[in-house]
C-alpha cells in the first residue's frame, strides 16, 4: 500500500491506496516541522483512525510538506514517521516537490504554491530549481495584475 501526504502549515491531506477499493482520503492539522516537533507529528498520526488498521501494510510513504526544506527538517519528519510505519520506505520532500510531481510528472515546467506560504520553482530532471525575483519586479507584477485580468 502507498500513503501520500501533502502537508501545509494549516492542513495535511492524506491519501491511502487500498488494494481492492477506492483510495481512502482524509485531512489532519498541518505538520510543518518549523511549527511542530517530532513528538507532535507522531501524536497527530496516532490519532488518525483511518491509518491504524493499515499502518503495518503500508510499504511506501511519500510525505510532501511545507517546512521540509533542509536535511535536518526532513530527517525530523522521517524520524517521527518511522516508528509508526516500520515496513515502509519513507520519502520526505518539501511541498513544492510534491506540487511539481503532481503537476508536471516527468516533464519540465513552472510550479507555484499559494497558501500560508508561497513559492515558485522550475522543475527539470525531477529537481525543483527555486526561482527568485527582485523586489522591483514583484512590485511591477503586482501593479500589472489588475490590468492583465481585464484583458
Foldseek 3Di string as FASTA:
>chain_A
DEKEWQFEQAKIWIWADDDPDHIDIDMWGGDACVVDFLVVLLVRVVPDPVCVVCLAVHAEYEYAAANQDDPVSQVRNVVSSCVRRVNYDYHYHHNQLVQCCVPPPQHWDKDWDDDPDIFIFIAHRSDTHGDDDDPVVVVVCVVCVVVVVVD
